[in-house]
């Protein structure tokens, strides 16, 4: 068992079901009719999974996803069956350890597109704009400033790549990959979800700058899968920190990125373990965004 100051780096020793996929953070197990997702405390940056794991990160990601899935269920159906560890007594050997980390889901056929919505020009979108005046092939007005809000959110998809970076693509390219009708559906659903969450966050002093979604198909119907509006899939800013032309300190694993960027790590080999102070501050940030959003 872990002690209170350790993070969970894997759940394989505590789950009696076949492991069928191990991502950077999530582990996917086969329950037969359903999938079991277990969210670990692993943390990644610059394409490396780092050590040590960050305590409570997985709890926050899973509980926050469940919160948003419940909140947005009237907008679009999702894959969640339940998050009740007591219903998994024959599968989970350490229920107390995993009780906030599990999500049983329906088995959907994943659509291999990352559906990204940007409400503000920042991050990778800003870098594209500086070079080309466009983001994912969308021409934008001249003179935009870093972190400026778009008049309307824009949809900037990426083709999923389980190994390496996802590839930014245009909507036209997306239509070639998944069809024009499905592209329109995914764009409309994604922007609707973003607007809904942006308004919810704004009422709590938080800006949802951008986010990404994954969708799947069950019985011919598009549903929402994976995670939703977590600090790993969304860029959150505190309203009080919002400013143009600067690098805004986002409410996620920014302490890890900042530490690595200012270290002598070459980014071509696994980095040394993170300092305790960086891990502790990252845990604090994940807990804070959960509390601010859920008011729990």
C-alpha atoms as a PDB file:
ATOM      1  CA  UNK A   1       0.000   0.000   0.000  1.00  0.00           C
ATOM      2  CA  UNK A   2       1.024   3.609  -0.609  1.00  0.00           C
ATOM      3  CA  UNK A   3       1.532   6.003   2.235  1.00  0.00           C
ATOM      4  CA  UNK A   4      -0.217   9.369   2.226  1.00  0.00           C
ATOM      5  CA  UNK A   5       2.680  11.214   0.591  1.00  0.00           C
ATOM      6  CA  UNK A   6       3.199   8.832  -2.354  1.00  0.00           C
ATOM      7  CA  UNK A   7       1.579   8.963  -5.761  1.00  0.00           C
ATOM      8  CA  UNK A   8       0.173   5.942  -7.569  1.00  0.00           C
ATOM      9  CA  UNK A   9       2.360   5.153 -10.571  1.00  0.00           C
ATOM     10  CA  UNK A  10       0.385   2.092 -11.711  1.00  0.00           C
ATOM     11  CA  UNK A  11      -2.677   0.106 -10.680  1.00  0.00           C
ATOM     12  CA  UNK A  12      -1.766  -3.242 -12.250  1.00  0.00           C
ATOM     13  CA  UNK A  13      -1.107  -4.874  -8.868  1.00  0.00           C
ATOM     14  CA  UNK A  14      -4.580  -3.916  -7.628  1.00  0.00           C
ATOM     15  CA  UNK A  15      -6.791  -4.859 -10.608  1.00  0.00           C
ATOM     16  CA  UNK A  16      -7.768  -8.436 -11.480  1.00  0.00           C
ATOM     17  CA  UNK A  17      -8.633  -7.807 -15.125  1.00  0.00           C
ATOM     18  CA  UNK A  18      -6.638  -7.783 -18.369  1.00  0.00           C
ATOM     19  CA  UNK A  19      -4.704  -4.558 -18.996  1.00  0.00           C
ATOM     20  CA  UNK A  20      -5.325  -3.672 -22.636  1.00  0.00           C
ATOM     21  CA  UNK A  21      -3.823  -0.180 -22.848  1.00  0.00           C
ATOM     22  CA  UNK A  22      -1.456   1.894 -20.741  1.00  0.00           C
ATOM     23  CA  UNK A  23      -1.371   5.583 -21.570  1.00  0.00           C
ATOM     24  CA  UNK A  24       0.746   8.309 -20.030  1.00  0.00           C
ATOM     25  CA  UNK A  25      -1.746   8.663 -17.170  1.00  0.00           C
ATOM     26  CA  UNK A  26      -4.684   6.257 -17.656  1.00  0.00           C
ATOM     27  CA  UNK A  27      -4.788   2.493 -17.681  1.00  0.00           C
ATOM     28  CA  UNK A  28      -7.546   0.650 -19.538  1.00  0.00           C
ATOM     29  CA  UNK A  29      -8.734  -2.765 -18.360  1.00  0.00           C
ATOM     30  CA  UNK A  30     -11.175  -5.157 -20.038  1.00  0.00           C
ATOM     31  CA  UNK A  31     -14.200  -6.128 -17.936  1.00  0.00           C
ATOM     32  CA  UNK A  32     -15.923  -7.966 -20.764  1.00  0.00           C
ATOM     33  CA  UNK A  33     -19.060  -5.929 -21.408  1.00  0.00           C
ATOM     34  CA  UNK A  34     -17.379  -2.710 -20.241  1.00  0.00           C
ATOM     35  CA  UNK A  35     -14.001  -1.032 -19.877  1.00  0.00           C
ATOM     36  CA  UNK A  36     -12.459  -0.062 -16.565  1.00  0.00           C
ATOM     37  CA  UNK A  37     -10.389   3.117 -16.602  1.00  0.00           C
ATOM     38  CA  UNK A  38      -8.030   3.673 -13.673  1.00  0.00           C
ATOM     39  CA  UNK A  39      -6.428   7.108 -13.439  1.00  0.00           C
ATOM     40  CA  UNK A  40      -2.922   7.055 -11.960  1.00  0.00           C
ATOM     41  CA  UNK A  41      -0.849   9.909 -10.566  1.00  0.00           C
ATOM     42  CA  UNK A  42       1.698   9.726 -13.381  1.00  0.00           C
ATOM     43  CA  UNK A  43       2.631  13.067 -14.887  1.00  0.00           C
ATOM     44  CA  UNK A  44       4.168  13.812 -18.268  1.00  0.00           C
ATOM     45  CA  UNK A  45       5.848  16.788 -19.881  1.00  0.00           C
ATOM     46  CA  UNK A  46       7.730  17.244 -23.146  1.00  0.00           C
ATOM     47  CA  UNK A  47       6.708  13.673 -24.149  1.00  0.00           C
ATOM     48  CA  UNK A  48       8.307  12.039 -21.087  1.00  0.00           C
ATOM     49  CA  UNK A  49       6.543  10.379 -18.172  1.00  0.00           C
ATOM     50  CA  UNK A  50       8.253  11.848 -15.130  1.00  0.00           C
ATOM     51  CA  UNK A  51       9.009  10.622 -11.649  1.00  0.00           C
ATOM     52  CA  UNK A  52       7.848  10.615  -8.987  1.00  0.00           C
ATOM     53  CA  UNK A  53       4.077  10.404  -9.464  1.00  0.00           C
ATOM     54  CA  UNK A  54       2.132  13.412  -8.135  1.00  0.00           C
ATOM     55  CA  UNK A  55      -0.084  12.503  -5.159  1.00  0.00           C
ATOM     56  CA  UNK A  56      -3.830  13.045  -5.689  1.00  0.00           C
ATOM     57  CA  UNK A  57      -3.457  14.019  -9.360  1.00  0.00           C
ATOM     58  CA  UNK A  58      -5.342  10.920 -10.532  1.00  0.00           C
ATOM     59  CA  UNK A  59      -8.079  11.402  -7.941  1.00  0.00           C
ATOM     60  CA  UNK A  60      -8.625  14.960  -9.167  1.00  0.00           C
ATOM     61  CA  UNK A  61      -8.642  14.013 -12.845  1.00  0.00           C
ATOM     62  CA  UNK A  62     -11.156  11.221 -12.377  1.00  0.00           C
ATOM     63  CA  UNK A  63     -13.480  13.042  -9.984  1.00  0.00           C
ATOM     64  CA  UNK A  64     -13.387  16.181 -12.123  1.00  0.00           C
ATOM     65  CA  UNK A  65     -14.184  14.202 -15.274  1.00  0.00           C
ATOM     66  CA  UNK A  66     -17.131  12.571 -13.500  1.00  0.00           C
ATOM     67  CA  UNK A  67     -18.313  15.990 -12.301  1.00  0.00           C
ATOM     68  CA  UNK A  68     -18.242  17.436 -15.841  1.00  0.00           C
ATOM     69  CA  UNK A  69     -19.715  14.312 -17.456  1.00  0.00           C
ATOM     70  CA  UNK A  70     -22.655  14.580 -15.054  1.00  0.00           C
ATOM     71  CA  UNK A  71     -22.999  18.328 -15.573  1.00  0.00           C
ATOM     72  CA  UNK A  72     -22.946  18.113 -19.371  1.00  0.00           C
ATOM     73  CA  UNK A  73     -25.081  14.977 -19.782  1.00  0.00           C
ATOM     74  CA  UNK A  74     -28.042  17.033 -20.987  1.00  0.00           C
ATOM     75  CA  UNK A  75     -25.892  18.354 -23.856  1.00  0.00           C
ATOM     76  CA  UNK A  76     -24.431  15.073 -25.076  1.00  0.00           C
ATOM     77  CA  UNK A  77     -24.445  11.439 -24.036  1.00  0.00           C
ATOM     78  CA  UNK A  78     -21.183  10.089 -22.586  1.00  0.00           C
ATOM     79  CA  UNK A  79     -19.572   6.721 -21.944  1.00  0.00           C
ATOM     80  CA  UNK A  80     -19.774   6.610 -18.127  1.00  0.00           C
ATOM     81  CA  UNK A  81     -21.550   3.639 -16.534  1.00  0.00           C
ATOM     82  CA  UNK A  82     -20.475   4.309 -12.934  1.00  0.00           C
ATOM     83  CA  UNK A  83     -17.539   5.285 -10.711  1.00  0.00           C
ATOM     84  CA  UNK A  84     -18.494   3.134  -7.720  1.00  0.00           C
ATOM     85  CA  UNK A  85     -15.621   0.988  -6.485  1.00  0.00           C
ATOM     86  CA  UNK A  86     -18.018  -1.023  -4.298  1.00  0.00           C
ATOM     87  CA  UNK A  87     -19.470  -2.529  -7.481  1.00  0.00           C
ATOM     88  CA  UNK A  88     -16.019  -3.841  -8.421  1.00  0.00           C
ATOM     89  CA  UNK A  89     -15.337  -6.087  -5.426  1.00  0.00           C
ATOM     90  CA  UNK A  90     -14.400  -9.013  -7.675  1.00  0.00           C
ATOM     91  CA  UNK A  91     -11.939  -6.873  -9.672  1.00  0.00           C
ATOM     92  CA  UNK A  92     -10.334  -4.325  -7.317  1.00  0.00           C
ATOM     93  CA  UNK A  93      -8.141  -5.754  -4.540  1.00  0.00           C
ATOM     94  CA  UNK A  94      -7.484  -2.414  -2.801  1.00  0.00           C
ATOM     95  CA  UNK A  95     -10.782  -0.506  -2.996  1.00  0.00           C
ATOM     96  CA  UNK A  96      -9.738   2.188  -0.523  1.00  0.00           C
ATOM     97  CA  UNK A  97      -6.682   3.021  -2.641  1.00  0.00           C
ATOM     98  CA  UNK A  98      -8.583   3.169  -5.936  1.00  0.00           C
ATOM     99  CA  UNK A  99     -12.006   4.428  -4.826  1.00  0.00           C
ATOM    100  CA  UNK A 100     -11.701   7.856  -6.476  1.00  0.00           C
ATOM    101  CA  UNK A 101      -9.699   6.653  -9.490  1.00  0.00           C
ATOM    102  CA  UNK A 102     -12.050   4.224 -11.244  1.00  0.00           C
ATOM    103  CA  UNK A 103     -14.506   4.779 -14.058  1.00  0.00           C
ATOM    104  CA  UNK A 104     -16.470   1.945 -15.680  1.00  0.00           C
ATOM    105  CA  UNK A 105     -17.432   2.864 -19.222  1.00  0.00           C
ATOM    106  CA  UNK A 106     -19.276   1.530 -22.214  1.00  0.00           C
ATOM    107  CA  UNK A 107     -17.151   0.276 -25.062  1.00  0.00           C
ATOM    108  CA  UNK A 108     -17.228   2.855 -27.809  1.00  0.00           C
ATOM    109  CA  UNK A 109     -15.433   2.870 -31.133  1.00  0.00           C
ATOM    110  CA  UNK A 110     -13.046   5.793 -30.786  1.00  0.00           C
ATOM    111  CA  UNK A 111     -13.031   8.487 -33.452  1.00  0.00           C
ATOM    112  CA  UNK A 112      -9.341   9.162 -34.041  1.00  0.00           C
ATOM    113  CA  UNK A 113      -9.631  12.937 -33.906  1.00  0.00           C
ATOM    114  CA  UNK A 114      -8.734  15.217 -31.022  1.00  0.00           C
ATOM    115  CA  UNK A 115     -11.434  17.892 -31.037  1.00  0.00           C
ATOM    116  CA  UNK A 116      -9.775  21.104 -29.840  1.00  0.00           C
ATOM    117  CA  UNK A 117     -11.676  24.319 -29.171  1.00  0.00           C
ATOM    118  CA  UNK A 118      -9.799  27.574 -28.607  1.00  0.00           C
ATOM    119  CA  UNK A 119     -11.437  30.612 -27.071  1.00  0.00           C
ATOM    120  CA  UNK A 120      -8.197  32.597 -26.782  1.00  0.00           C
ATOM    121  CA  UNK A 121      -5.092  32.750 -28.934  1.00  0.00           C
ATOM    122  CA  UNK A 122      -2.335  31.226 -26.859  1.00  0.00           C
ATOM    123  CA  UNK A 123      -0.053  28.190 -26.711  1.00  0.00           C
ATOM    124  CA  UNK A 124       0.343  26.268 -29.965  1.00  0.00           C
ATOM    125  CA  UNK A 125      -2.324  28.373 -31.654  1.00  0.00           C
ATOM    126  CA  UNK A 126      -0.339  31.545 -30.960  1.00  0.00           C
ATOM    127  CA  UNK A 127       2.821  29.960 -32.340  1.00  0.00           C
ATOM    128  CA  UNK A 128       0.997  28.983 -35.556  1.00  0.00           C
ATOM    129  CA  UNK A 129      -0.466  32.464 -35.899  1.00  0.00           C
ATOM    130  CA  UNK A 130       2.930  34.130 -35.517  1.00  0.00           C
ATOM    131  CA  UNK A 131       4.320  32.053 -38.383  1.00  0.00           C
ATOM    132  CA  UNK A 132       1.393  31.948 -40.807  1.00  0.00           C
ATOM    133  CA  UNK A 133      -1.379  34.271 -39.652  1.00  0.00           C
ATOM    134  CA  UNK A 134      -3.566  31.157 -39.392  1.00  0.00           C
ATOM    135  CA  UNK A 135      -4.469  28.429 -36.915  1.00  0.00           C
ATOM    136  CA  UNK A 136      -5.089  24.999 -38.432  1.00  0.00           C
ATOM    137  CA  UNK A 137      -5.706  26.626 -41.803  1.00  0.00           C
ATOM    138  CA  UNK A 138      -8.169  29.207 -40.402  1.00  0.00           C
ATOM    139  CA  UNK A 139      -7.123  32.710 -41.534  1.00  0.00           C
ATOM    140  CA  UNK A 140      -7.192  35.163 -38.623  1.00  0.00           C
ATOM    141  CA  UNK A 141      -7.147  38.986 -38.532  1.00  0.00           C
ATOM    142  CA  UNK A 142      -3.825  40.756 -38.411  1.00  0.00           C
ATOM    143  CA  UNK A 143      -2.640  42.302 -35.185  1.00  0.00           C
ATOM    144  CA  UNK A 144      -4.006  39.813 -32.685  1.00  0.00           C
ATOM    145  CA  UNK A 145      -2.193  39.891 -29.354  1.00  0.00           C
ATOM    146  CA  UNK A 146      -1.112  36.879 -27.353  1.00  0.00           C
ATOM    147  CA  UNK A 147      -3.926  35.636 -25.050  1.00  0.00           C
ATOM    148  CA  UNK A 148      -6.534  37.791 -26.806  1.00  0.00           C
ATOM    149  CA  UNK A 149     -10.041  36.357 -26.795  1.00  0.00           C
ATOM    150  CA  UNK A 150     -11.559  35.389 -30.146  1.00  0.00           C
ATOM    151  CA  UNK A 151     -14.922  36.956 -31.002  1.00  0.00           C
ATOM    152  CA  UNK A 152     -16.150  33.369 -31.364  1.00  0.00           C
ATOM    153  CA  UNK A 153     -14.431  30.098 -30.316  1.00  0.00           C
ATOM    154  CA  UNK A 154     -12.618  28.299 -33.117  1.00  0.00           C
ATOM    155  CA  UNK A 155     -12.461  24.557 -33.794  1.00  0.00           C
ATOM    156  CA  UNK A 156      -8.926  23.295 -34.481  1.00  0.00           C
ATOM    157  CA  UNK A 157      -8.833  19.483 -34.721  1.00  0.00           C
ATOM    158  CA  UNK A 158      -5.847  17.172 -34.548  1.00  0.00           C
ATOM    159  CA  UNK A 159      -5.400  13.663 -35.904  1.00  0.00           C
ATOM    160  CA  UNK A 160      -4.732  11.366 -32.958  1.00  0.00           C
ATOM    161  CA  UNK A 161      -1.365   9.655 -32.704  1.00  0.00           C
ATOM    162  CA  UNK A 162      -0.901   7.219 -29.820  1.00  0.00           C
ATOM    163  CA  UNK A 163       2.859   7.376 -30.356  1.00  0.00           C
ATOM    164  CA  UNK A 164       4.283  10.899 -30.424  1.00  0.00           C
ATOM    165  CA  UNK A 165       2.456  14.155 -31.056  1.00  0.00           C
ATOM    166  CA  UNK A 166      -1.048  14.498 -32.423  1.00  0.00           C
ATOM    167  CA  UNK A 167      -1.039  16.230 -35.823  1.00  0.00           C
ATOM    168  CA  UNK A 168      -2.839  19.557 -36.211  1.00  0.00           C
ATOM    169  CA  UNK A 169      -5.115  19.361 -39.242  1.00  0.00           C
ATOM    170  CA  UNK A 170      -7.623  21.568 -41.035  1.00  0.00           C
ATOM    171  CA  UNK A 171     -11.334  20.948 -40.932  1.00  0.00           C
ATOM    172  CA  UNK A 172     -11.160  20.013 -44.610  1.00  0.00           C
ATOM    173  CA  UNK A 173      -8.586  17.322 -43.831  1.00  0.00           C
ATOM    174  CA  UNK A 174     -10.738  16.089 -40.946  1.00  0.00           C
ATOM    175  CA  UNK A 175     -13.669  15.752 -43.337  1.00  0.00           C
ATOM    176  CA  UNK A 176     -11.503  13.591 -45.589  1.00  0.00           C
ATOM    177  CA  UNK A 177     -10.686  11.345 -42.627  1.00  0.00           C
ATOM    178  CA  UNK A 178     -14.094  10.973 -40.933  1.00  0.00           C
ATOM    179  CA  UNK A 179     -16.596  12.470 -43.386  1.00  0.00           C
ATOM    180  CA  UNK A 180     -18.139  15.920 -43.754  1.00  0.00           C
ATOM    181  CA  UNK A 181     -21.295  15.172 -41.776  1.00  0.00           C
ATOM    182  CA  UNK A 182     -19.410  13.740 -38.806  1.00  0.00           C
ATOM    183  CA  UNK A 183     -16.952  16.647 -38.904  1.00  0.00           C
ATOM    184  CA  UNK A 184     -19.829  19.119 -38.658  1.00  0.00           C
ATOM    185  CA  UNK A 185     -21.384  17.166 -35.775  1.00  0.00           C
ATOM    186  CA  UNK A 186     -18.126  17.039 -33.829  1.00  0.00           C
ATOM    187  CA  UNK A 187     -17.425  20.732 -34.405  1.00  0.00           C
ATOM    188  CA  UNK A 188     -20.892  21.758 -33.243  1.00  0.00           C
ATOM    189  CA  UNK A 189     -20.798  19.490 -30.174  1.00  0.00           C
ATOM    190  CA  UNK A 190     -17.302  20.629 -29.225  1.00  0.00           C
ATOM    191  CA  UNK A 191     -18.072  24.338 -29.450  1.00  0.00           C
ATOM    192  CA  UNK A 192     -21.345  23.882 -27.559  1.00  0.00           C
ATOM    193  CA  UNK A 193     -19.498  22.090 -24.746  1.00  0.00           C
ATOM    194  CA  UNK A 194     -16.795  24.750 -24.647  1.00  0.00           C
ATOM    195  CA  UNK A 195     -19.314  27.599 -24.387  1.00  0.00           C
ATOM    196  CA  UNK A 196     -21.164  25.773 -21.615  1.00  0.00           C
ATOM    197  CA  UNK A 197     -18.012  25.189 -19.570  1.00  0.00           C
ATOM    198  CA  UNK A 198     -16.562  28.655 -20.268  1.00  0.00           C
ATOM    199  CA  UNK A 199     -19.665  30.288 -18.802  1.00  0.00           C
ATOM    200  CA  UNK A 200     -19.645  27.960 -15.804  1.00  0.00           C
ATOM    201  CA  UNK A 201     -15.978  28.716 -15.092  1.00  0.00           C
ATOM    202  CA  UNK A 202     -16.365  32.470 -15.577  1.00  0.00           C
ATOM    203  CA  UNK A 203     -18.933  32.561 -12.771  1.00  0.00           C
ATOM    204  CA  UNK A 204     -16.204  31.111 -10.507  1.00  0.00           C
ATOM    205  CA  UNK A 205     -13.379  33.470 -11.418  1.00  0.00           C
ATOM    206  CA  UNK A 206     -11.730  31.084 -13.877  1.00  0.00           C
ATOM    207  CA  UNK A 207     -11.104  31.402 -17.621  1.00  0.00           C
ATOM    208  CA  UNK A 208     -11.304  28.275 -19.767  1.00  0.00           C
ATOM    209  CA  UNK A 209      -8.857  29.287 -22.496  1.00  0.00           C
ATOM    210  CA  UNK A 210      -9.020  26.112 -24.571  1.00  0.00           C
ATOM    211  CA  UNK A 211      -9.816  22.424 -24.246  1.00  0.00           C
ATOM    212  CA  UNK A 212      -9.917  19.151 -26.120  1.00  0.00           C
ATOM    213  CA  UNK A 213     -12.435  16.345 -26.387  1.00  0.00           C
ATOM    214  CA  UNK A 214     -12.544  12.787 -27.627  1.00  0.00           C
ATOM    215  CA  UNK A 215     -15.641  11.205 -29.082  1.00  0.00           C
ATOM    216  CA  UNK A 216     -16.686   7.666 -29.892  1.00  0.00           C
ATOM    217  CA  UNK A 217     -19.486   5.773 -31.598  1.00  0.00           C
ATOM    218  CA  UNK A 218     -21.975   3.421 -29.959  1.00  0.00           C
ATOM    219  CA  UNK A 219     -24.848   2.050 -32.042  1.00  0.00           C
ATOM    220  CA  UNK A 220     -24.193   4.702 -34.669  1.00  0.00           C
ATOM    221  CA  UNK A 221     -24.476   7.551 -32.165  1.00  0.00           C
ATOM    222  CA  UNK A 222     -21.689  10.027 -31.328  1.00  0.00           C
ATOM    223  CA  UNK A 223     -20.923  10.115 -27.600  1.00  0.00           C
ATOM    224  CA  UNK A 224     -18.322  11.821 -25.420  1.00  0.00           C
ATOM    225  CA  UNK A 225     -15.499   9.596 -24.099  1.00  0.00           C
ATOM    226  CA  UNK A 226     -12.116   9.706 -22.331  1.00  0.00           C
ATOM    227  CA  UNK A 227     -11.838  12.752 -20.003  1.00  0.00           C
ATOM    228  CA  UNK A 228     -13.463  16.169 -20.038  1.00  0.00           C
ATOM    229  CA  UNK A 229     -12.420  19.608 -18.747  1.00  0.00           C
ATOM    230  CA  UNK A 230      -9.587  18.321 -16.567  1.00  0.00           C
ATOM    231  CA  UNK A 231      -6.350  20.285 -16.033  1.00  0.00           C
ATOM    232  CA  UNK A 232      -4.693  17.741 -18.353  1.00  0.00           C
ATOM    233  CA  UNK A 233      -7.146  18.371 -21.213  1.00  0.00           C
ATOM    234  CA  UNK A 234      -7.938  22.068 -20.682  1.00  0.00           C
ATOM    235  CA  UNK A 235      -6.093  25.323 -20.118  1.00  0.00           C
ATOM    236  CA  UNK A 236      -7.406  27.152 -17.071  1.00  0.00           C
ATOM    237  CA  UNK A 237      -6.411  30.676 -16.049  1.00  0.00           C
ATOM    238  CA  UNK A 238      -7.349  32.630 -12.983  1.00  0.00           C
ATOM    239  CA  UNK A 239      -9.282  35.756 -13.989  1.00  0.00           C
ATOM    240  CA  UNK A 240      -7.019  37.867 -11.764  1.00  0.00           C
ATOM    241  CA  UNK A 241      -3.934  36.666 -13.664  1.00  0.00           C
ATOM    242  CA  UNK A 242      -5.311  37.286 -17.145  1.00  0.00           C
ATOM    243  CA  UNK A 243      -3.229  39.721 -19.200  1.00  0.00           C
ATOM    244  CA  UNK A 244      -2.260  40.174 -22.837  1.00  0.00           C
ATOM    245  CA  UNK A 245       1.240  39.633 -24.225  1.00  0.00           C
ATOM    246  CA  UNK A 246       2.541  37.497 -21.341  1.00  0.00           C
ATOM    247  CA  UNK A 247       2.884  33.798 -20.522  1.00  0.00           C
ATOM    248  CA  UNK A 248      -0.011  33.275 -18.109  1.00  0.00           C
ATOM    249  CA  UNK A 249       0.635  30.866 -15.261  1.00  0.00           C
ATOM    250  CA  UNK A 250      -2.020  28.213 -15.892  1.00  0.00           C
ATOM    251  CA  UNK A 251      -3.800  26.208 -13.197  1.00  0.00           C
ATOM    252  CA  UNK A 252      -2.291  22.810 -13.935  1.00  0.00           C
ATOM    253  CA  UNK A 253       1.178  21.230 -14.092  1.00  0.00           C
ATOM    254  CA  UNK A 254       2.822  24.568 -14.854  1.00  0.00           C
ATOM    255  CA  UNK A 255       5.276  24.161 -11.894  1.00  0.00           C
ATOM    256  CA  UNK A 256       6.640  21.033 -13.583  1.00  0.00           C
ATOM    257  CA  UNK A 257       7.017  22.690 -16.993  1.00  0.00           C
ATOM    258  CA  UNK A 258       8.631  25.763 -15.447  1.00  0.00           C
ATOM    259  CA  UNK A 259      11.077  23.699 -13.429  1.00  0.00           C
ATOM    260  CA  UNK A 260      12.099  21.590 -16.432  1.00  0.00           C
ATOM    261  CA  UNK A 261      12.400  24.602 -18.745  1.00  0.00           C
ATOM    262  CA  UNK A 262      14.746  26.308 -16.282  1.00  0.00           C
ATOM    263  CA  UNK A 263      16.819  23.199 -15.557  1.00  0.00           C
ATOM    264  CA  UNK A 264      19.810  21.891 -17.508  1.00  0.00           C
ATOM    265  CA  UNK A 265      17.818  18.893 -18.802  1.00  0.00           C
ATOM    266  CA  UNK A 266      18.559  18.224 -22.490  1.00  0.00           C
ATOM    267  CA  UNK A 267      14.989  17.034 -23.343  1.00  0.00           C
ATOM    268  CA  UNK A 268      16.504  14.069 -25.177  1.00  0.00           C
ATOM    269  CA  UNK A 269      16.760  11.665 -22.243  1.00  0.00           C
ATOM    270  CA  UNK A 270      14.632  10.891 -19.177  1.00  0.00           C
ATOM    271  CA  UNK A 271      14.953  13.772 -16.693  1.00  0.00           C
ATOM    272  CA  UNK A 272      16.041  13.382 -13.088  1.00  0.00           C
ATOM    273  CA  UNK A 273      13.296  12.989 -10.450  1.00  0.00           C
ATOM    274  CA  UNK A 274      11.307  16.118  -9.733  1.00  0.00           C
ATOM    275  CA  UNK A 275      12.126  17.958  -6.482  1.00  0.00           C
ATOM    276  CA  UNK A 276       9.697  17.451  -3.601  1.00  0.00           C
ATOM    277  CA  UNK A 277       8.754  21.132  -3.663  1.00  0.00           C
ATOM    278  CA  UNK A 278       7.680  20.949  -7.333  1.00  0.00           C
ATOM    279  CA  UNK A 279       5.642  17.800  -6.698  1.00  0.00           C
ATOM    280  CA  UNK A 280       3.942  19.358  -3.666  1.00  0.00           C
ATOM    281  CA  UNK A 281       3.059  22.560  -5.535  1.00  0.00           C
ATOM    282  CA  UNK A 282       1.655  20.549  -8.444  1.00  0.00           C
ATOM    283  CA  UNK A 283      -0.534  18.523  -6.084  1.00  0.00           C
ATOM    284  CA  UNK A 284      -1.751  21.764  -4.511  1.00  0.00           C
ATOM    285  CA  UNK A 285      -2.736  23.166  -7.906  1.00  0.00           C
ATOM    286  CA  UNK A 286      -4.677  20.076  -8.936  1.00  0.00           C
ATOM    287  CA  UNK A 287      -6.546  20.091  -5.631  1.00  0.00           C
ATOM    288  CA  UNK A 288      -7.244  23.821  -5.969  1.00  0.00           C
ATOM    289  CA  UNK A 289      -8.780  23.632  -9.450  1.00  0.00           C
ATOM    290  CA  UNK A 290     -10.982  20.744  -8.274  1.00  0.00           C
ATOM    291  CA  UNK A 291     -12.206  22.738  -5.270  1.00  0.00           C
ATOM    292  CA  UNK A 292     -12.755  25.917  -7.274  1.00  0.00           C
ATOM    293  CA  UNK A 293     -14.772  24.160  -9.983  1.00  0.00           C
ATOM    294  CA  UNK A 294     -16.796  21.712  -7.913  1.00  0.00           C
ATOM    295  CA  UNK A 295     -17.120  23.880  -4.787  1.00  0.00           C
ATOM    296  CA  UNK A 296     -16.352  20.711  -2.779  1.00  0.00           C
END
